[in-house]
């Protein structure tokens, strides 16, 4: 019986697609069930380390179907320690539907500059990983910028 349930969970996970992940300061629910994302960013540059963010949101937008448990965690650059981790949240998507999962964190402290890892887990398995660069603005950066606008 347990083997059948495990196969069902794996089949449901294959029907799940993460369309995008956003990092932002806050997310608000507006009239008409619309979401407003406040201060969307892809990296953090500060003038002093360590840095603490009063509020930090990770938004995952899903397509697919099934019932899953989703969680988000932020790891140190060496991937050895959690900075923060969310509680598992139930995610229910009707066939052909969409869902948003928003994880809010408060007083998140990044102790040093580096490449942090934002991981999304589904049903306790790693589903996606995004890089979050935290930079000390006092240190010179290598020029990896592009003149192209994406």
N, C-alpha and C. Protein backbone atom coordinates (compact mmCIF):
# COMPACT_ATOMS: atom_id res chain seq x y z
N UNK A 1 0.83 -1.20 0.00
CA UNK A 1 0.00 0.00 0.00
C UNK A 1 0.87 1.26 0.00
N UNK A 2 1.91 1.29 0.85
CA UNK A 2 2.78 2.46 0.92
C UNK A 2 3.49 2.70 -0.41
N UNK A 3 3.87 1.64 -1.10
CA UNK A 3 4.54 1.76 -2.39
C UNK A 3 3.63 2.43 -3.41
N UNK A 4 2.34 2.12 -3.38
CA UNK A 4 1.37 2.74 -4.29
C UNK A 4 1.24 4.23 -3.99
N UNK A 5 1.20 4.61 -2.70
CA UNK A 5 1.11 6.02 -2.33
C UNK A 5 2.35 6.77 -2.78
N UNK A 6 3.52 6.16 -2.64
CA UNK A 6 4.77 6.78 -3.06
C UNK A 6 4.77 7.02 -4.57
N UNK A 7 4.27 6.06 -5.35
CA UNK A 7 4.20 6.23 -6.80
C UNK A 7 3.22 7.34 -7.17
N UNK A 8 2.11 7.45 -6.43
CA UNK A 8 1.14 8.53 -6.68
C UNK A 8 1.76 9.88 -6.41
N UNK A 9 2.54 10.00 -5.32
CA UNK A 9 3.20 11.25 -4.97
C UNK A 9 4.22 11.63 -6.05
N UNK A 10 4.98 10.65 -6.54
CA UNK A 10 5.96 10.93 -7.59
C UNK A 10 5.27 11.35 -8.88
N UNK A 11 4.14 10.73 -9.21
CA UNK A 11 3.40 11.10 -10.42
C UNK A 11 2.86 12.51 -10.30
N UNK A 12 2.35 12.87 -9.11
CA UNK A 12 1.85 14.24 -8.89
C UNK A 12 2.97 15.26 -9.02
N UNK A 13 4.16 14.94 -8.47
CA UNK A 13 5.29 15.86 -8.55
C UNK A 13 5.72 16.08 -9.99
N UNK A 14 5.57 15.06 -10.85
CA UNK A 14 5.92 15.22 -12.24
C UNK A 14 4.92 16.12 -12.97
N UNK A 15 3.73 16.29 -12.41
CA UNK A 15 2.71 17.16 -12.99
C UNK A 15 2.84 18.58 -12.47
N UNK A 16 3.86 18.87 -11.71
CA UNK A 16 4.05 20.16 -11.08
C UNK A 16 5.19 20.91 -11.75
N UNK A 17 4.96 22.18 -12.05
CA UNK A 17 5.98 23.01 -12.69
C UNK A 17 6.10 24.34 -11.96
N UNK A 18 7.30 24.71 -11.59
CA UNK A 18 7.57 26.00 -10.96
C UNK A 18 7.83 27.00 -12.08
N UNK A 19 6.89 27.93 -12.28
CA UNK A 19 7.02 28.89 -13.38
C UNK A 19 8.00 30.00 -13.06
N UNK A 20 7.97 30.51 -11.82
CA UNK A 20 8.93 31.54 -11.43
C UNK A 20 9.04 31.64 -9.92
N UNK A 21 10.18 32.18 -9.49
CA UNK A 21 10.44 32.51 -8.09
C UNK A 21 10.85 33.97 -8.05
N UNK A 22 10.23 34.73 -7.15
CA UNK A 22 10.57 36.14 -6.96
C UNK A 22 11.03 36.36 -5.53
N UNK A 23 12.01 37.26 -5.37
CA UNK A 23 12.43 37.73 -4.05
C UNK A 23 11.92 39.16 -3.93
N UNK A 24 11.29 39.50 -2.83
CA UNK A 24 10.81 40.86 -2.65
C UNK A 24 10.68 41.19 -1.17
N UNK A 25 10.45 42.47 -0.89
CA UNK A 25 10.30 42.91 0.49
C UNK A 25 8.95 42.52 1.09
N UNK A 26 7.91 42.56 0.26
CA UNK A 26 6.57 42.28 0.79
C UNK A 26 5.65 41.90 -0.36
N UNK A 27 4.56 41.22 -0.01
CA UNK A 27 3.53 40.86 -0.97
C UNK A 27 2.19 41.22 -0.33
N UNK A 28 1.34 41.87 -1.10
CA UNK A 28 0.04 42.29 -0.58
C UNK A 28 -1.07 41.73 -1.46
N UNK A 29 -2.13 41.30 -0.80
CA UNK A 29 -3.31 40.83 -1.50
C UNK A 29 -4.22 42.02 -1.75
N UNK A 30 -4.54 42.27 -3.02
CA UNK A 30 -5.34 43.42 -3.41
C UNK A 30 -6.76 42.99 -3.77
N UNK A 31 -7.60 43.97 -4.07
CA UNK A 31 -8.96 43.71 -4.50
C UNK A 31 -8.94 42.83 -5.74
N UNK A 32 -9.86 41.92 -5.85
CA UNK A 32 -9.91 41.02 -7.00
C UNK A 32 -8.94 39.87 -6.90
N UNK A 33 -8.42 39.62 -5.68
CA UNK A 33 -7.49 38.52 -5.44
C UNK A 33 -6.20 38.67 -6.24
N UNK A 34 -5.77 39.91 -6.47
CA UNK A 34 -4.52 40.19 -7.18
C UNK A 34 -3.40 40.41 -6.17
N UNK A 35 -2.19 40.06 -6.58
CA UNK A 35 -1.03 40.24 -5.72
C UNK A 35 -0.21 41.44 -6.16
N UNK A 36 0.25 42.23 -5.19
CA UNK A 36 1.19 43.32 -5.44
C UNK A 36 2.51 42.94 -4.80
N UNK A 37 3.59 42.98 -5.60
CA UNK A 37 4.92 42.65 -5.11
C UNK A 37 5.66 43.95 -4.84
N UNK A 38 6.15 44.14 -3.61
CA UNK A 38 6.85 45.36 -3.23
C UNK A 38 8.36 45.12 -3.25
N UNK A 39 9.07 45.94 -3.99
CA UNK A 39 10.52 45.94 -4.07
C UNK A 39 11.06 44.56 -4.45
N UNK A 40 10.86 44.20 -5.71
CA UNK A 40 11.36 42.94 -6.24
C UNK A 40 12.86 43.10 -6.51
N UNK A 41 13.65 42.10 -6.14
CA UNK A 41 15.10 42.19 -6.34
C UNK A 41 15.67 40.82 -6.68
N UNK A 42 16.90 40.83 -7.21
CA UNK A 42 17.59 39.58 -7.51
C UNK A 42 18.89 39.43 -6.74
N UNK A 43 19.34 40.51 -6.13
CA UNK A 43 20.51 40.46 -5.27
C UNK A 43 20.39 41.57 -4.23
N UNK A 44 21.28 41.54 -3.25
CA UNK A 44 21.26 42.52 -2.15
C UNK A 44 22.64 43.14 -2.08
N UNK A 45 22.70 44.48 -2.15
CA UNK A 45 23.97 45.18 -2.00
C UNK A 45 23.81 46.16 -0.84
N UNK A 46 24.70 46.06 0.12
CA UNK A 46 24.62 46.89 1.32
C UNK A 46 25.96 47.54 1.59
N UNK A 47 25.97 48.52 2.49
CA UNK A 47 27.20 49.23 2.83
C UNK A 47 27.87 48.67 4.08
N UNK A 48 27.23 47.68 4.70
CA UNK A 48 27.79 47.13 5.93
C UNK A 48 27.29 45.71 6.14
N UNK A 49 28.20 44.84 6.54
CA UNK A 49 27.85 43.45 6.86
C UNK A 49 28.05 43.26 8.35
N UNK A 50 27.30 42.43 9.02
CA UNK A 50 26.17 41.67 8.51
C UNK A 50 24.98 42.59 8.22
N UNK A 51 24.01 42.08 7.45
CA UNK A 51 22.81 42.84 7.13
C UNK A 51 21.59 42.04 7.57
N UNK A 52 20.61 42.75 8.11
CA UNK A 52 19.35 42.13 8.50
C UNK A 52 18.22 42.75 7.69
N UNK A 53 17.39 41.89 7.14
CA UNK A 53 16.20 42.35 6.43
C UNK A 53 15.01 42.22 7.37
N UNK A 54 14.29 43.31 7.55
CA UNK A 54 13.14 43.29 8.45
C UNK A 54 12.10 42.30 7.96
N UNK A 55 11.84 42.33 6.65
CA UNK A 55 10.88 41.42 6.06
C UNK A 55 11.41 40.98 4.70
N UNK A 56 11.22 39.71 4.38
CA UNK A 56 11.73 39.14 3.14
C UNK A 56 10.72 38.10 2.68
N UNK A 57 10.30 38.19 1.43
CA UNK A 57 9.31 37.24 0.90
C UNK A 57 9.88 36.50 -0.30
N UNK A 58 9.56 35.22 -0.37
CA UNK A 58 9.91 34.38 -1.51
C UNK A 58 8.58 33.91 -2.11
N UNK A 59 8.37 34.26 -3.38
CA UNK A 59 7.11 33.93 -4.07
C UNK A 59 7.40 32.85 -5.10
N UNK A 60 6.68 31.75 -5.00
CA UNK A 60 6.77 30.68 -6.00
C UNK A 60 5.42 30.59 -6.70
N UNK A 61 5.46 30.61 -8.04
CA UNK A 61 4.23 30.50 -8.84
C UNK A 61 4.25 29.15 -9.55
N UNK A 62 3.24 28.33 -9.27
CA UNK A 62 3.19 26.94 -9.71
C UNK A 62 2.10 26.72 -10.75
N UNK A 63 2.34 25.73 -11.61
CA UNK A 63 1.33 25.23 -12.54
C UNK A 63 1.36 23.71 -12.43
N UNK A 64 0.18 23.11 -12.54
CA UNK A 64 0.13 21.65 -12.49
C UNK A 64 -1.12 21.17 -11.81
N UNK A 65 -0.96 20.13 -11.01
CA UNK A 65 -2.11 19.61 -10.28
C UNK A 65 -1.61 18.77 -9.11
N UNK A 66 -2.51 18.57 -8.17
CA UNK A 66 -2.20 17.72 -7.02
C UNK A 66 -2.09 18.50 -5.73
N UNK A 67 -1.91 17.76 -4.66
CA UNK A 67 -1.72 18.32 -3.33
C UNK A 67 -0.31 18.00 -2.89
N UNK A 68 0.41 19.03 -2.45
CA UNK A 68 1.82 18.89 -2.09
C UNK A 68 2.11 19.69 -0.83
N UNK A 69 3.24 19.40 -0.23
CA UNK A 69 3.78 20.22 0.84
C UNK A 69 4.97 20.97 0.27
N UNK A 70 4.96 22.28 0.42
CA UNK A 70 6.04 23.11 -0.10
C UNK A 70 6.72 23.82 1.06
N UNK A 71 8.03 23.96 0.96
CA UNK A 71 8.78 24.71 1.95
C UNK A 71 9.96 25.41 1.28
N UNK A 72 10.40 26.48 1.91
CA UNK A 72 11.51 27.28 1.38
C UNK A 72 12.56 27.41 2.47
N UNK A 73 13.81 27.31 2.08
CA UNK A 73 14.89 27.54 3.03
C UNK A 73 16.00 28.30 2.35
N UNK A 74 16.72 29.07 3.14
CA UNK A 74 17.86 29.84 2.64
C UNK A 74 19.10 29.29 3.32
N UNK A 75 20.07 28.90 2.51
CA UNK A 75 21.31 28.30 3.01
C UNK A 75 22.49 29.25 2.87
N UNK A 76 23.47 29.06 3.71
CA UNK A 76 24.72 29.82 3.64
C UNK A 76 25.45 29.46 2.34
N UNK A 77 26.42 30.28 1.95
CA UNK A 77 27.14 30.00 0.70
C UNK A 77 27.75 28.60 0.63
N UNK A 78 28.18 28.05 1.75
CA UNK A 78 28.75 26.69 1.74
C UNK A 78 27.69 25.60 1.81
N UNK A 79 26.43 26.00 1.86
CA UNK A 79 25.26 25.09 1.94
C UNK A 79 25.26 24.21 3.19
N UNK A 80 25.98 24.62 4.20
CA UNK A 80 26.08 23.81 5.42
C UNK A 80 25.09 24.21 6.51
N UNK A 81 24.55 25.45 6.44
CA UNK A 81 23.68 25.94 7.51
C UNK A 81 22.48 26.68 6.92
N UNK A 82 21.38 26.59 7.64
CA UNK A 82 20.18 27.35 7.27
C UNK A 82 20.28 28.76 7.84
N UNK A 83 19.94 29.74 7.02
CA UNK A 83 19.75 31.09 7.54
C UNK A 83 18.34 31.16 8.11
N UNK A 84 17.37 30.70 7.32
CA UNK A 84 15.97 30.58 7.73
C UNK A 84 15.35 29.42 6.96
N UNK A 85 14.23 28.93 7.50
CA UNK A 85 13.47 27.87 6.82
C UNK A 85 12.00 28.07 7.16
N UNK A 86 11.15 27.90 6.17
CA UNK A 86 9.71 28.03 6.40
C UNK A 86 9.15 26.70 6.91
N UNK A 87 7.98 26.77 7.46
CA UNK A 87 7.24 25.57 7.82
C UNK A 87 6.64 24.99 6.54
N UNK A 88 6.48 23.68 6.44
CA UNK A 88 5.81 23.11 5.26
C UNK A 88 4.39 23.66 5.13
N UNK A 89 4.03 24.03 3.91
CA UNK A 89 2.72 24.61 3.63
C UNK A 89 2.03 23.75 2.59
N UNK A 90 0.75 23.50 2.80
CA UNK A 90 -0.01 22.70 1.84
C UNK A 90 -0.26 23.52 0.58
N UNK A 91 -0.06 22.89 -0.55
CA UNK A 91 -0.23 23.51 -1.85
C UNK A 91 -1.18 22.63 -2.64
N UNK A 92 -2.36 23.17 -2.97
CA UNK A 92 -3.36 22.41 -3.72
C UNK A 92 -3.61 23.08 -5.06
N UNK A 93 -3.45 22.31 -6.13
CA UNK A 93 -3.65 22.84 -7.48
C UNK A 93 -4.61 21.92 -8.21
N UNK A 94 -5.71 22.51 -8.70
CA UNK A 94 -6.67 21.75 -9.50
C UNK A 94 -6.04 21.44 -10.85
N UNK A 95 -6.46 20.36 -11.52
CA UNK A 95 -5.88 20.02 -12.83
C UNK A 95 -5.92 21.22 -13.79
N UNK A 96 -4.75 21.51 -14.38
CA UNK A 96 -4.64 22.64 -15.30
C UNK A 96 -4.60 23.99 -14.61
N UNK A 97 -4.48 24.00 -13.28
CA UNK A 97 -4.56 25.25 -12.52
C UNK A 97 -3.20 25.83 -12.17
N UNK A 98 -3.27 26.94 -11.43
CA UNK A 98 -2.11 27.67 -10.97
C UNK A 98 -2.25 27.92 -9.48
N UNK A 99 -1.13 28.14 -8.82
CA UNK A 99 -1.14 28.49 -7.40
C UNK A 99 0.10 29.29 -7.07
N UNK A 100 -0.03 30.18 -6.10
CA UNK A 100 1.11 30.92 -5.58
C UNK A 100 1.37 30.48 -4.16
N UNK A 101 2.63 30.28 -3.84
CA UNK A 101 3.03 29.98 -2.48
C UNK A 101 3.99 31.08 -2.05
N UNK A 102 3.64 31.78 -0.98
CA UNK A 102 4.45 32.91 -0.52
C UNK A 102 4.98 32.57 0.86
N UNK A 103 6.30 32.62 1.00
CA UNK A 103 6.95 32.40 2.28
C UNK A 103 7.48 33.72 2.78
N UNK A 104 7.01 34.13 3.96
CA UNK A 104 7.47 35.37 4.58
C UNK A 104 8.47 35.03 5.68
N UNK A 105 9.55 35.81 5.71
CA UNK A 105 10.55 35.68 6.75
C UNK A 105 10.75 37.05 7.38
N UNK A 106 10.98 37.10 8.69
CA UNK A 106 11.23 38.37 9.37
C UNK A 106 12.59 38.32 10.05
N UNK A 107 13.25 39.47 10.07
CA UNK A 107 14.56 39.62 10.70
C UNK A 107 15.56 38.57 10.21
N UNK A 108 15.70 38.50 8.90
CA UNK A 108 16.65 37.57 8.29
C UNK A 108 18.03 38.23 8.27
N UNK A 109 19.01 37.58 8.86
CA UNK A 109 20.37 38.13 8.92
C UNK A 109 21.30 37.35 8.02
N UNK A 110 21.95 38.07 7.12
CA UNK A 110 23.00 37.51 6.28
C UNK A 110 24.32 37.95 6.92
N UNK A 111 25.09 37.01 7.47
CA UNK A 111 26.28 37.40 8.25
C UNK A 111 27.45 37.92 7.43
N UNK A 112 27.56 37.52 6.17
CA UNK A 112 28.70 37.93 5.34
C UNK A 112 28.27 38.00 3.89
N UNK A 113 29.06 38.68 3.10
CA UNK A 113 28.80 38.72 1.66
C UNK A 113 29.01 37.33 1.07
N UNK A 114 28.28 37.02 0.00
CA UNK A 114 28.45 35.73 -0.64
C UNK A 114 27.25 35.31 -1.46
N UNK A 115 27.33 34.11 -2.01
CA UNK A 115 26.26 33.53 -2.82
C UNK A 115 25.42 32.61 -1.93
N UNK A 116 24.27 33.09 -1.51
CA UNK A 116 23.36 32.29 -0.69
C UNK A 116 22.45 31.48 -1.61
N UNK A 117 21.81 30.45 -1.08
CA UNK A 117 20.99 29.55 -1.88
C UNK A 117 19.59 29.49 -1.33
N UNK A 118 18.62 29.83 -2.17
CA UNK A 118 17.20 29.77 -1.80
C UNK A 118 16.66 28.49 -2.42
N UNK A 119 16.32 27.55 -1.57
CA UNK A 119 15.86 26.25 -2.03
C UNK A 119 14.35 26.11 -1.81
N UNK A 120 13.69 25.54 -2.80
CA UNK A 120 12.28 25.20 -2.71
C UNK A 120 12.17 23.69 -2.67
N UNK A 121 11.52 23.19 -1.64
CA UNK A 121 11.30 21.75 -1.49
C UNK A 121 9.83 21.44 -1.70
N UNK A 122 9.56 20.34 -2.35
CA UNK A 122 8.20 19.84 -2.53
C UNK A 122 8.17 18.43 -1.99
N UNK A 123 7.26 18.21 -1.07
CA UNK A 123 7.12 16.90 -0.43
C UNK A 123 8.46 16.41 0.11
N UNK A 124 9.18 17.34 0.76
CA UNK A 124 10.47 17.10 1.43
C UNK A 124 11.63 16.80 0.49
N UNK A 125 11.46 16.98 -0.82
CA UNK A 125 12.55 16.77 -1.78
C UNK A 125 12.89 18.10 -2.46
N UNK A 126 14.17 18.32 -2.69
CA UNK A 126 14.61 19.54 -3.37
C UNK A 126 13.99 19.60 -4.76
N UNK A 127 13.28 20.70 -5.04
CA UNK A 127 12.62 20.87 -6.33
C UNK A 127 13.33 21.92 -7.18
N UNK A 128 13.79 23.01 -6.52
CA UNK A 128 14.43 24.11 -7.25
C UNK A 128 15.39 24.83 -6.32
N UNK A 129 16.38 25.48 -6.91
CA UNK A 129 17.37 26.23 -6.16
C UNK A 129 17.70 27.49 -6.93
N UNK A 130 17.65 28.64 -6.25
CA UNK A 130 17.99 29.93 -6.84
C UNK A 130 19.13 30.55 -6.05
N UNK A 131 19.99 31.24 -6.76
CA UNK A 131 21.11 31.92 -6.13
C UNK A 131 20.68 33.33 -5.71
N UNK A 132 21.09 33.74 -4.52
CA UNK A 132 20.85 35.10 -4.03
C UNK A 132 22.20 35.68 -3.61
N UNK A 133 22.66 36.68 -4.35
CA UNK A 133 23.96 37.28 -4.08
C UNK A 133 23.80 38.41 -3.07
N UNK A 134 24.58 38.35 -2.02
CA UNK A 134 24.63 39.42 -1.02
C UNK A 134 26.02 40.03 -1.13
N UNK A 135 26.07 41.34 -1.46
CA UNK A 135 27.34 42.01 -1.73
C UNK A 135 27.57 43.14 -0.74
N UNK A 136 28.82 43.31 -0.39
CA UNK A 136 29.25 44.45 0.41
C UNK A 136 29.61 45.56 -0.57
N UNK A 137 28.85 46.63 -0.58
CA UNK A 137 29.05 47.73 -1.53
C UNK A 137 30.37 48.43 -1.39
N UNK A 138 31.07 48.20 -0.30
CA UNK A 138 32.38 48.83 -0.10
C UNK A 138 33.48 48.10 -0.85
N UNK A 139 33.21 46.83 -1.24
CA UNK A 139 34.21 46.03 -1.94
C UNK A 139 34.01 46.16 -3.45
N UNK A 140 35.08 46.30 -4.24
CA UNK A 140 34.92 46.37 -5.69
C UNK A 140 34.43 45.03 -6.24
N UNK A 141 33.53 45.10 -7.21
CA UNK A 141 32.98 43.91 -7.86
C UNK A 141 33.64 43.69 -9.20
N UNK A 142 33.74 42.45 -9.60
CA UNK A 142 34.19 42.15 -10.96
C UNK A 142 33.09 42.61 -11.91
N UNK A 143 33.46 43.19 -13.04
CA UNK A 143 32.46 43.69 -13.98
C UNK A 143 31.89 42.52 -14.79
N UNK A 144 30.72 42.05 -14.35
CA UNK A 144 30.04 40.97 -15.06
C UNK A 144 28.75 41.49 -15.68
N UNK A 145 28.62 42.81 -15.70
CA UNK A 145 27.39 43.39 -16.23
C UNK A 145 27.36 43.32 -17.76
N UNK A 146 26.16 43.40 -18.27
CA UNK A 146 25.95 43.37 -19.71
C UNK A 146 25.23 44.63 -20.12
N UNK A 147 25.50 45.11 -21.30
CA UNK A 147 24.83 46.29 -21.81
C UNK A 147 23.45 45.94 -22.35
N UNK A 148 23.18 44.66 -22.53
CA UNK A 148 21.88 44.22 -23.03
C UNK A 148 20.84 44.29 -21.93
N UNK A 149 19.64 44.62 -22.32
CA UNK A 149 18.52 44.65 -21.39
C UNK A 149 17.70 43.41 -21.62
N UNK A 150 17.45 42.65 -20.56
CA UNK A 150 16.66 41.43 -20.66
C UNK A 150 15.21 41.73 -20.37
